[in-house]
Amino acid sequence: MLEPIRKPIRRAIAPVRALFVSDASAGILLILVAAAAMVVANSPLSEAYETLFNGYLWPKETFYLNTVHLWVNDGLMVLFFFVVGLEVKRELIAGELSSADKRTLPIMAAMAGMAVPALIYVSIASSNPDLIRGWAIPAATDIAFAMGVLGLLGTRVPASLRLFLLTVAIVDDIGAVLVIALFYTAHLDVMWLAIATAIFAVLVGMNRFGVKQFWPFVLVAIALWFAVLFSGVHATIAGVLAALTIPMRKHDGHSMLEKAEHSLAPWSAYLVVPIFGFANAGVHVLDMSLAEIFAPLPLAIAAGLFLGKQLGIFTIIVAAVKLGIARKPDNANWMEIWGVSILTGIGFTMSLFISELAFAGNRLFTEEAKIGILLGSILSAIVGYVALRITTRHPEEKAIYEEAREAQP
């Protein structure tokens, strides 16, 4: 009778995913980092904080990445996007996106979860044409943050819902990457784009001809990053493209992709993303009035994240189940599904990243965007946690969860 529960639990705590699903530490670390950035930005250390991340290292004409902030966003974050790309490829080939019956509901939910927040954002911010460019900011879900909140609830939340949230967030990331590539590319340098295309072809060829070592992929991926950086397409896209060329097939019983993912995921979750969060979450609010905090931009982002995400995702799930297009996640009731839908409104990492692209050069808008992201994400985290805490309890899953976890290599 419990076998239908065992299967999603085993999948939910598979290697690498355990970093996000069974362990709340990545999400807690992000919360602490965001809080620390806010404290520092509103303390006597604010000037040092500003100088550290935005002070010029050298003239821009020497090299484009001339501040620590740019190195974090355009350089260090490539590793985050590389890990995302590895996860996406594995899901498409052998995971929750590998077959139509598995991917139907998460894809529908992710699409609705991007469209409705964007519509809410535009409806609120449309009074100022300069704000429209930020429409994609509330469309993304932060995997580590959202899964970290679920981790705090332990086995009270069905494993099928943890797996569902993770899958929706992965599809969400795919959408965010496409949005960055299509809508936040300022200009294109045809020569560098051709070079990047040629380098990408080399990576594809290395995959096709069975290169068995990881380090050649790393060296060529660095060259791809450099070419993409100068092509006008955002440099982090190079991370995703390179990841998609890493072989999934096994050599001597080991998959290069899964080994790379398992090795790099902790560095991404516990180093790269926290550094990015600390560099981008600091916003000076002490001198701001309530009118400024609840200006159209932060209000549009917060409403998009908190209201738009849950409205879009929960509504499409109900419609899909009622119409027979997909079935409800196993062992989960509607209140639990609603609670998880609220958690998708946590948009910390990707939302901050998109806001930097959308309002590059406009300090006021980027600061207001950070306020909206923090408000929407914190509200979604608290309300989602409380909703799940008071509505769900699944003691039957605890023993099975521990059994499956101990069985993991």
Protein backbone atom coordinates (compact mmCIF):
# COMPACT_ATOMS: atom_id res chain seq x y z
CA MET A 1 0.00 0.00 0.00
CA LEU A 2 2.91 2.33 0.73
CA GLU A 3 4.80 1.57 -2.49
CA PRO A 4 3.20 4.50 -4.41
CA ILE A 5 4.63 6.78 -1.72
CA ARG A 6 8.09 5.16 -1.77
CA LYS A 7 8.71 5.92 -5.44
CA PRO A 8 8.40 9.74 -5.29
CA ILE A 9 10.37 9.78 -2.03
CA ARG A 10 13.25 7.88 -3.65
CA ARG A 11 13.20 10.27 -6.60
CA ALA A 12 12.92 13.31 -4.31
CA ILE A 13 16.09 12.51 -2.39
CA ALA A 14 18.17 11.34 -5.33
CA PRO A 15 21.81 12.53 -5.36
CA VAL A 16 22.21 16.28 -5.92
CA ARG A 17 18.51 16.94 -5.32
CA ALA A 18 19.08 16.04 -1.69
CA LEU A 19 21.10 19.24 -1.49
CA PHE A 20 17.87 21.19 -1.99
CA VAL A 21 15.07 18.86 -0.96
CA SER A 22 16.12 17.14 2.25
CA ASP A 23 18.34 19.91 3.58
CA ALA A 24 17.07 23.35 4.53
CA SER A 25 20.56 24.76 5.00
CA ALA A 26 20.89 26.24 1.48
CA GLY A 27 17.63 28.17 1.90
CA ILE A 28 18.50 29.25 5.44
CA LEU A 29 21.90 30.43 4.25
CA LEU A 30 20.24 32.57 1.57
CA ILE A 31 17.91 34.11 4.15
CA LEU A 32 20.86 34.95 6.41
CA VAL A 33 22.88 36.36 3.50
CA ALA A 34 20.01 38.57 2.37
CA ALA A 35 19.53 39.81 5.93
CA ALA A 36 23.26 40.45 6.31
CA ALA A 37 23.35 42.43 3.06
CA MET A 38 20.45 44.58 4.24
CA VAL A 39 22.06 45.19 7.62
CA VAL A 40 25.42 46.13 6.12
CA ALA A 41 23.84 48.38 3.48
CA ASN A 42 22.03 50.30 6.25
CA SER A 43 24.95 50.53 8.68
CA PRO A 44 28.14 52.60 8.94
CA LEU A 45 29.68 49.94 6.69
CA SER A 46 27.44 50.92 3.78
CA GLU A 47 30.14 52.97 2.06
CA ALA A 48 32.63 50.09 2.34
CA TYR A 49 29.98 47.71 0.99
CA GLU A 50 29.39 50.00 -1.99
CA THR A 51 33.11 50.41 -2.64
CA LEU A 52 33.77 46.67 -2.38
CA PHE A 53 31.27 45.68 -5.04
CA ASN A 54 31.00 48.76 -7.26
CA GLY A 55 34.40 50.38 -6.96
CA TYR A 56 36.28 50.32 -10.29
CA LEU A 57 39.13 47.83 -10.56
CA TRP A 58 40.42 49.31 -13.83
CA PRO A 59 39.10 51.48 -16.70
CA LYS A 60 36.19 49.92 -18.58
CA GLU A 61 38.03 50.16 -21.89
CA THR A 62 40.71 47.85 -20.45
CA PHE A 63 38.22 45.06 -19.80
CA TYR A 64 34.44 45.12 -19.51
CA LEU A 65 34.30 43.39 -16.11
CA ASN A 66 35.78 46.25 -14.10
CA THR A 67 33.95 45.84 -10.75
CA VAL A 68 33.55 42.98 -8.31
CA HIS A 69 29.78 43.27 -8.85
CA LEU A 70 30.20 42.59 -12.58
CA TRP A 71 32.57 39.68 -11.92
CA VAL A 72 29.98 38.14 -9.60
CA ASN A 73 27.03 38.63 -11.98
CA ASP A 74 28.73 37.91 -15.30
CA GLY A 75 31.50 35.59 -14.16
CA LEU A 76 30.83 33.71 -10.95
CA MET A 77 27.15 33.19 -11.74
CA VAL A 78 28.14 31.19 -14.83
CA LEU A 79 28.75 28.28 -12.45
CA PHE A 80 25.20 28.61 -11.13
CA PHE A 81 23.80 28.57 -14.66
CA PHE A 82 26.08 25.64 -15.55
CA VAL A 83 24.62 23.60 -12.69
CA VAL A 84 21.12 24.63 -13.76
CA GLY A 85 21.93 23.44 -17.28
CA LEU A 86 23.19 20.09 -15.99
CA GLU A 87 20.01 19.62 -13.95
CA VAL A 88 17.83 20.57 -16.92
CA LYS A 89 19.58 18.11 -19.24
CA ARG A 90 19.33 15.29 -16.71
CA GLU A 91 15.65 15.99 -16.16
CA LEU A 92 14.96 16.06 -19.91
CA ILE A 93 16.77 12.77 -20.53
CA ALA A 94 16.10 10.67 -17.45
CA GLY A 95 14.08 12.71 -14.97
CA GLU A 96 10.72 14.34 -14.42
CA LEU A 97 10.72 15.97 -17.86
CA SER A 98 11.65 12.84 -19.80
CA SER A 99 8.13 11.79 -20.78
CA ALA A 100 4.90 13.56 -21.67
CA ASP A 101 2.93 12.27 -18.68
CA LYS A 102 5.62 13.47 -16.27
CA ARG A 103 6.22 16.90 -17.76
CA THR A 104 2.68 18.00 -18.64
CA LEU A 105 1.64 19.40 -15.24
CA PRO A 106 5.01 20.98 -14.26
CA ILE A 107 5.35 22.67 -17.66
CA MET A 108 1.78 24.00 -17.56
CA ALA A 109 2.28 25.20 -13.99
CA ALA A 110 5.61 26.88 -14.75
CA MET A 111 4.23 28.66 -17.82
CA ALA A 112 1.22 29.97 -15.89
CA GLY A 113 3.56 30.84 -13.03
CA MET A 114 5.56 33.06 -15.37
CA ALA A 115 2.70 34.57 -17.38
CA VAL A 116 0.37 35.68 -14.57
CA PRO A 117 3.06 37.47 -12.49
CA ALA A 118 4.22 39.26 -15.65
CA LEU A 119 0.65 40.37 -16.39
CA ILE A 120 0.14 41.61 -12.83
CA TYR A 121 3.47 43.46 -12.99
CA VAL A 122 2.56 45.17 -16.27
CA SER A 123 -0.93 46.10 -15.03
CA ILE A 124 0.57 47.91 -12.02
CA ALA A 125 3.72 49.36 -13.61
CA SER A 126 2.28 50.34 -17.00
CA SER A 127 1.79 53.95 -15.88
CA ASN A 128 5.56 54.41 -16.35
CA PRO A 129 6.84 53.10 -19.72
CA ASP A 130 10.38 52.94 -18.33
CA LEU A 131 9.29 50.20 -15.92
CA ILE A 132 7.87 47.81 -18.52
CA ARG A 133 11.32 46.36 -19.18
CA GLY A 134 11.17 44.69 -15.76
CA TRP A 135 8.16 42.49 -16.63
CA ALA A 136 10.15 39.26 -16.19
CA ILE A 137 11.45 40.04 -12.69
CA PRO A 138 8.56 38.38 -10.77
CA ALA A 139 8.41 35.41 -13.18
CA ALA A 140 11.19 33.31 -11.64
CA THR A 141 11.24 30.96 -8.62
CA ASP A 142 14.37 30.52 -6.49
CA ILE A 143 15.06 26.77 -6.23
CA ALA A 144 17.31 26.79 -3.16
CA PHE A 145 15.21 29.28 -1.19
CA ALA A 146 11.88 27.57 -1.91
CA MET A 147 13.21 24.07 -1.32
CA GLY A 148 14.90 25.31 1.85
CA VAL A 149 11.55 26.43 3.27
CA LEU A 150 10.09 23.02 2.41
CA GLY A 151 13.08 21.43 4.10
CA LEU A 152 12.14 23.21 7.34
CA LEU A 153 8.82 21.34 7.22
CA GLY A 154 10.51 17.95 6.89
CA THR A 155 8.21 15.03 6.09
CA ARG A 156 5.08 17.03 6.89
CA VAL A 157 4.95 17.83 3.16
CA PRO A 158 4.41 14.89 0.77
CA ALA A 159 7.49 13.89 -1.20
CA SER A 160 5.45 14.18 -4.40
CA LEU A 161 4.96 17.89 -3.72
CA ARG A 162 8.65 18.47 -3.00
CA LEU A 163 9.42 16.78 -6.31
CA PHE A 164 6.71 18.79 -8.05
CA LEU A 165 8.03 22.11 -6.72
CA LEU A 166 11.57 21.22 -7.76
CA THR A 167 10.43 20.27 -11.26
CA VAL A 168 8.36 23.45 -11.67
CA ALA A 169 11.35 25.51 -10.52
CA ILE A 170 13.59 23.76 -13.07
CA VAL A 171 11.15 24.47 -15.92
CA ASP A 172 10.90 28.00 -14.54
CA ASP A 173 14.68 28.31 -14.83
CA ILE A 174 14.55 27.15 -18.45
CA GLY A 175 12.00 29.90 -19.13
CA ALA A 176 14.13 32.49 -17.30
CA VAL A 177 17.22 31.56 -19.32
CA LEU A 178 15.25 31.92 -22.57
CA VAL A 179 13.88 35.28 -21.40
CA ILE A 180 17.40 36.54 -20.61
CA ALA A 181 18.69 35.40 -24.00
CA LEU A 182 15.76 36.81 -26.02
CA PHE A 183 14.77 39.98 -24.18
CA TYR A 184 17.84 41.21 -22.31
CA THR A 185 20.42 41.21 -25.05
CA ALA A 186 21.32 44.85 -25.68
CA HIS A 187 23.30 44.40 -28.89
CA LEU A 188 24.90 41.65 -30.93
CA ASP A 189 28.45 41.52 -32.22
CA VAL A 190 28.24 39.23 -35.24
CA MET A 191 31.94 38.32 -35.21
CA TRP A 192 31.97 37.25 -31.54
CA LEU A 193 28.62 35.50 -31.99
CA ALA A 194 30.12 33.47 -34.85
CA ILE A 195 33.14 32.61 -32.69
CA ALA A 196 30.84 31.54 -29.83
CA THR A 197 28.85 29.38 -32.25
CA ALA A 198 32.04 27.70 -33.49
CA ILE A 199 33.22 27.03 -29.93
CA PHE A 200 29.83 25.58 -29.03
CA ALA A 201 30.12 23.32 -32.09
CA VAL A 202 33.46 22.09 -30.73
CA LEU A 203 31.79 21.17 -27.44
CA VAL A 204 29.03 19.32 -29.29
CA GLY A 205 31.68 17.48 -31.30
CA MET A 206 33.55 16.50 -28.14
CA ASN A 207 30.32 15.01 -26.84
CA ARG A 208 29.59 13.25 -30.12
CA PHE A 209 33.06 11.74 -30.42
CA GLY A 210 33.09 10.47 -26.85
CA VAL A 211 35.61 12.63 -25.00
CA LYS A 212 35.76 10.92 -21.61
CA GLN A 213 37.58 13.52 -19.50
CA PHE A 214 35.82 16.50 -17.92
CA TRP A 215 38.70 19.00 -18.03
CA PRO A 216 38.68 19.50 -21.84
CA PHE A 217 35.01 20.52 -21.57
CA VAL A 218 35.94 23.01 -18.85
CA LEU A 219 38.70 24.63 -20.93
CA VAL A 220 36.49 24.97 -24.02
CA ALA A 221 33.58 26.20 -21.85
CA ILE A 222 35.78 29.03 -20.54
CA ALA A 223 36.53 30.02 -24.13
CA LEU A 224 32.79 29.91 -24.86
CA TRP A 225 32.09 32.19 -21.88
CA PHE A 226 34.66 34.70 -23.12
CA ALA A 227 33.17 34.72 -26.64
CA VAL A 228 29.59 35.01 -25.42
CA LEU A 229 30.62 37.85 -23.09
CA PHE A 230 31.75 39.92 -26.07
CA SER A 231 28.93 38.81 -28.37
CA GLY A 232 26.28 40.87 -26.57
CA VAL A 233 24.33 37.84 -25.33
CA HIS A 234 24.52 37.67 -21.55
CA ALA A 235 27.63 35.72 -20.55
CA THR A 236 25.83 33.38 -18.16
CA ILE A 237 24.03 31.79 -21.13
CA ALA A 238 27.40 30.21 -21.90
CA GLY A 239 27.05 28.19 -18.70
CA VAL A 240 23.77 26.67 -19.81
CA LEU A 241 25.01 25.96 -23.35
CA ALA A 242 28.18 24.29 -22.08
CA ALA A 243 26.19 22.17 -19.62
CA LEU A 244 23.96 20.85 -22.39
CA THR A 245 27.01 19.36 -24.13
CA ILE A 246 28.25 17.38 -21.12
CA PRO A 247 27.75 13.64 -21.87
CA MET A 248 24.94 11.91 -20.04
CA ARG A 249 26.07 8.43 -21.12
CA LYS A 250 28.02 6.32 -18.69
CA HIS A 251 31.67 5.31 -18.98
CA ASP A 252 32.86 2.58 -16.62
CA GLY A 253 29.57 2.83 -14.76
CA HIS A 254 29.83 6.58 -14.19
CA SER A 255 28.00 9.44 -15.91
CA MET A 256 30.14 12.52 -16.49
CA LEU A 257 27.05 14.75 -16.23
CA GLU A 258 25.84 13.31 -12.94
CA LYS A 259 29.35 13.34 -11.48
CA ALA A 260 29.84 16.98 -12.48
CA GLU A 261 26.42 17.93 -11.15
CA HIS A 262 27.01 16.18 -7.84
CA SER A 263 30.44 17.81 -7.44
CA LEU A 264 29.46 21.35 -8.44
CA ALA A 265 26.00 21.69 -6.87
CA PRO A 266 27.37 22.33 -3.33
CA TRP A 267 29.72 25.02 -4.66
CA SER A 268 26.83 26.68 -6.45
CA ALA A 269 24.37 26.43 -3.54
CA TYR A 270 26.72 27.28 -0.69
CA LEU A 271 29.22 29.65 -2.28
CA VAL A 272 28.19 31.16 -5.63
CA VAL A 273 24.55 31.95 -4.83
CA PRO A 274 25.27 33.35 -1.34
CA ILE A 275 28.01 35.61 -2.74
CA PHE A 276 25.62 36.76 -5.47
CA GLY A 277 22.91 37.34 -2.87
CA PHE A 278 25.19 39.36 -0.62
CA ALA A 279 26.42 41.45 -3.57
CA ASN A 280 22.93 42.19 -4.85
CA ALA A 281 20.47 42.17 -1.93
CA GLY A 282 21.86 45.16 -0.08
CA VAL A 283 19.57 48.16 -0.44
CA HIS A 284 19.53 51.33 1.67
CA VAL A 285 16.02 51.72 3.08
CA LEU A 286 16.53 53.90 6.17
CA ASP A 287 15.97 57.11 4.26
CA MET A 288 13.06 55.79 2.24
CA SER A 289 9.49 56.77 2.94
CA LEU A 290 6.58 54.34 2.79
CA ALA A 291 5.55 56.00 -0.47
CA GLU A 292 8.94 55.10 -1.96
CA ILE A 293 8.89 51.55 -0.60
CA PHE A 294 5.42 50.97 -2.05
CA ALA A 295 6.09 52.83 -5.30
CA PRO A 296 4.75 51.22 -8.51
CA LEU A 297 7.93 49.22 -9.22
CA PRO A 298 8.40 47.43 -5.86
CA LEU A 299 4.62 47.01 -5.54
CA ALA A 300 4.37 45.48 -9.04
CA ILE A 301 7.19 43.02 -8.32
CA ALA A 302 5.94 42.05 -4.85
CA ALA A 303 2.37 41.57 -6.12
CA GLY A 304 3.63 39.58 -9.11
CA LEU A 305 5.63 37.23 -6.90
CA PHE A 306 3.19 36.79 -4.03
CA LEU A 307 -0.16 36.97 -5.83
CA GLY A 308 0.71 36.17 -9.43
CA LYS A 309 2.72 33.03 -8.78
CA GLN A 310 0.19 31.31 -6.55
CA LEU A 311 -2.77 32.45 -8.65
CA GLY A 312 -1.26 31.24 -11.92
CA ILE A 313 0.09 27.92 -10.69
CA PHE A 314 -2.75 26.85 -8.41
CA THR A 315 -5.41 27.79 -10.97
CA ILE A 316 -3.74 25.86 -13.80
CA ILE A 317 -3.25 22.79 -11.58
CA VAL A 318 -6.94 22.77 -10.61
CA ALA A 319 -8.00 23.25 -14.23
CA ALA A 320 -5.65 20.55 -15.53
CA VAL A 321 -6.81 18.01 -12.94
CA LYS A 322 -10.52 18.79 -13.35
CA LEU A 323 -10.25 18.56 -17.15
CA GLY A 324 -8.36 15.28 -16.98
CA ILE A 325 -5.23 16.71 -18.63
CA ALA A 326 -3.03 15.71 -15.70
CA ARG A 327 -3.41 14.09 -12.31
CA LYS A 328 -2.88 15.58 -8.89
CA PRO A 329 0.47 14.86 -7.16
CA ASP A 330 0.29 11.64 -5.14
CA ASN A 331 -0.74 11.76 -1.49
CA ALA A 332 -1.37 15.53 -1.61
CA ASN A 333 -4.56 17.50 -0.93
CA TRP A 334 -5.62 20.84 -2.38
CA MET A 335 -4.58 22.86 0.68
CA GLU A 336 -1.08 21.42 0.45
CA ILE A 337 -0.90 22.16 -3.27
CA TRP A 338 -2.02 25.74 -2.56
CA GLY A 339 0.70 26.10 0.10
CA VAL A 340 3.39 24.91 -2.30
CA SER A 341 2.01 27.28 -4.96
CA ILE A 342 2.58 30.17 -2.56
CA LEU A 343 6.22 29.13 -2.09
CA THR A 344 6.85 29.53 -5.82
CA GLY A 345 6.60 33.27 -5.17
CA ILE A 346 10.09 33.17 -3.65
CA GLY A 347 12.05 34.71 -6.50
CA PHE A 348 15.29 35.79 -4.86
CA THR A 349 18.27 34.75 -7.02
CA MET A 350 16.91 34.80 -10.58
CA SER A 351 14.69 37.81 -9.91
CA LEU A 352 17.64 39.84 -8.62
CA PHE A 353 19.64 38.74 -11.62
CA ILE A 354 16.96 39.79 -14.12
CA SER A 355 16.43 43.12 -12.35
CA GLU A 356 20.13 43.93 -12.82
CA LEU A 357 19.74 43.25 -16.53
CA ALA A 358 16.40 45.06 -16.89
CA PHE A 359 17.49 48.29 -15.21
CA ALA A 360 21.24 48.31 -15.82
CA GLY A 361 22.54 51.82 -15.23
CA ASN A 362 19.43 53.01 -13.38
CA ARG A 363 20.35 52.88 -9.70
CA LEU A 364 16.93 54.05 -8.45
CA PHE A 365 15.05 51.32 -10.33
CA THR A 366 17.46 48.57 -9.31
CA GLU A 367 17.15 49.58 -5.65
CA GLU A 368 13.35 49.69 -5.88
CA ALA A 369 13.35 46.33 -7.65
CA LYS A 370 15.36 44.78 -4.80
CA ILE A 371 12.80 46.04 -2.30
CA GLY A 372 9.97 44.48 -4.30
CA ILE A 373 11.83 41.18 -4.68
CA LEU A 374 12.60 40.99 -0.96
CA LEU A 375 9.03 41.91 0.03
CA GLY A 376 7.43 39.43 -2.36
CA SER A 377 9.88 36.63 -1.53
CA ILE A 378 9.71 37.06 2.25
CA LEU A 379 5.91 37.28 2.19
CA SER A 380 5.69 34.15 0.02
CA ALA A 381 8.10 32.27 2.29
CA ILE A 382 6.28 33.16 5.51
CA VAL A 383 2.72 32.67 4.27
CA GLY A 384 3.62 29.50 2.37
CA TYR A 385 5.38 28.02 5.39
CA VAL A 386 2.51 28.85 7.75
CA ALA A 387 -0.10 27.53 5.31
CA LEU A 388 1.73 24.21 5.00
CA ARG A 389 2.59 24.02 8.69
CA ILE A 390 -1.06 24.21 9.79
CA THR A 391 -2.61 22.14 7.00
CA THR A 392 -0.31 19.18 6.37
CA ARG A 393 1.05 16.21 8.28
CA HIS A 394 2.21 12.92 6.78
CA PRO A 395 3.67 10.65 9.49
CA GLU A 396 3.39 7.65 7.16
CA GLU A 397 6.15 9.11 4.97
CA LYS A 398 8.78 9.56 7.67
CA ALA A 399 9.93 5.94 8.00
CA ILE A 400 9.89 5.45 4.22
CA TYR A 401 11.84 8.68 3.74
CA GLU A 402 14.55 7.59 6.18
CA GLU A 403 14.67 4.16 4.56
CA ALA A 404 15.11 5.65 1.10
CA ARG A 405 17.68 8.18 2.32
CA GLU A 406 19.83 5.48 3.93
CA ALA A 407 19.69 3.50 0.68
CA GLN A 408 21.28 6.39 -1.25
CA PRO A 409 24.99 5.84 -2.07
